[in-house]
Protein backbone atom coordinates (compact mmCIF):
# COMPACT_ATOMS: atom_id res chain seq x y z
CA UNK A 1 -21.84 -35.14 -0.28
CA UNK A 2 -18.95 -36.45 -2.33
CA UNK A 3 -16.69 -38.98 -0.61
CA UNK A 4 -13.60 -37.68 -2.44
CA UNK A 5 -12.41 -34.10 -2.14
CA UNK A 6 -9.76 -31.98 -3.78
CA UNK A 7 -6.79 -30.36 -2.07
CA UNK A 8 -8.55 -26.99 -2.33
CA UNK A 9 -11.68 -28.33 -0.61
CA UNK A 10 -9.57 -29.88 2.16
CA UNK A 11 -7.71 -26.60 2.60
CA UNK A 12 -10.97 -24.71 2.91
CA UNK A 13 -12.28 -27.19 5.50
CA UNK A 14 -9.15 -27.16 7.67
CA UNK A 15 -7.82 -23.65 7.15
CA UNK A 16 -4.44 -24.95 5.98
CA UNK A 17 -2.93 -23.75 2.71
CA UNK A 18 -3.31 -26.09 -0.28
CA UNK A 19 0.48 -26.57 -0.35
CA UNK A 20 0.39 -27.80 3.26
CA UNK A 21 -2.45 -30.21 2.47
CA UNK A 22 -0.34 -31.63 -0.40
CA UNK A 23 2.57 -32.14 2.01
CA UNK A 24 0.25 -33.96 4.42
CA UNK A 25 -0.90 -36.17 1.50
CA UNK A 26 2.73 -36.96 0.67
CA UNK A 27 3.37 -37.93 4.30
CA UNK A 28 0.29 -40.17 4.41
CA UNK A 29 -1.40 -38.34 7.29
CA UNK A 30 -4.81 -39.29 5.86
CA UNK A 31 -6.00 -41.43 2.96
CA UNK A 32 -5.37 -39.77 -0.39
CA UNK A 33 -4.51 -40.92 -3.89
CA UNK A 34 -3.45 -39.56 -7.25
CA UNK A 35 -5.80 -41.38 -9.64
CA UNK A 36 -4.22 -39.91 -12.77
CA UNK A 37 -0.64 -39.91 -11.57
CA UNK A 38 1.19 -36.63 -11.19
CA UNK A 39 -1.10 -34.94 -13.72
CA UNK A 40 -4.37 -35.44 -11.87
CA UNK A 41 -3.66 -34.05 -8.43
CA UNK A 42 -4.62 -35.52 -5.10
CA UNK A 43 -8.07 -36.87 -4.24
CA UNK A 44 -8.61 -37.10 -0.51
CA UNK A 45 -11.00 -39.51 1.18
CA UNK A 46 -13.35 -37.20 3.11
CA UNK A 47 -14.00 -39.51 6.12
CA UNK A 48 -10.26 -40.03 6.59
CA UNK A 49 -9.56 -36.29 6.48
CA UNK A 50 -12.45 -35.51 8.83
CA UNK A 51 -11.23 -38.10 11.37
CA UNK A 52 -7.64 -36.79 11.15
CA UNK A 53 -8.86 -33.21 11.55
CA UNK A 54 -11.08 -34.06 14.55
CA UNK A 55 -8.21 -35.94 16.23
CA UNK A 56 -5.86 -33.02 15.60
CA UNK A 57 -8.31 -30.49 17.03
CA UNK A 58 -9.01 -32.72 20.04
CA UNK A 59 -5.28 -33.06 20.72
CA UNK A 60 -4.80 -29.30 20.62
CA UNK A 61 -7.58 -28.83 23.17
CA UNK A 62 -5.89 -31.25 25.55
CA UNK A 63 -2.67 -29.27 25.78
CA UNK A 64 -2.12 -27.44 29.01
CA UNK A 65 -0.96 -23.86 28.83
CA UNK A 66 1.37 -22.70 31.55
CA UNK A 67 1.40 -18.96 32.22
């Protein structure tokens, strides 16, 4: 398993659109870098994304729905 992933791989894992993943990268929601500047695209650190995604899913399960 590769420790770095592309925006497309992250989108496939989370179900978000690639554009949304890029916005999350810009906001620093998980560890990501652009190794070749604007030309190379984002490379996302898989453990950071997986932790962020697990925390996000856990938080959504803890919300209480009122009917």
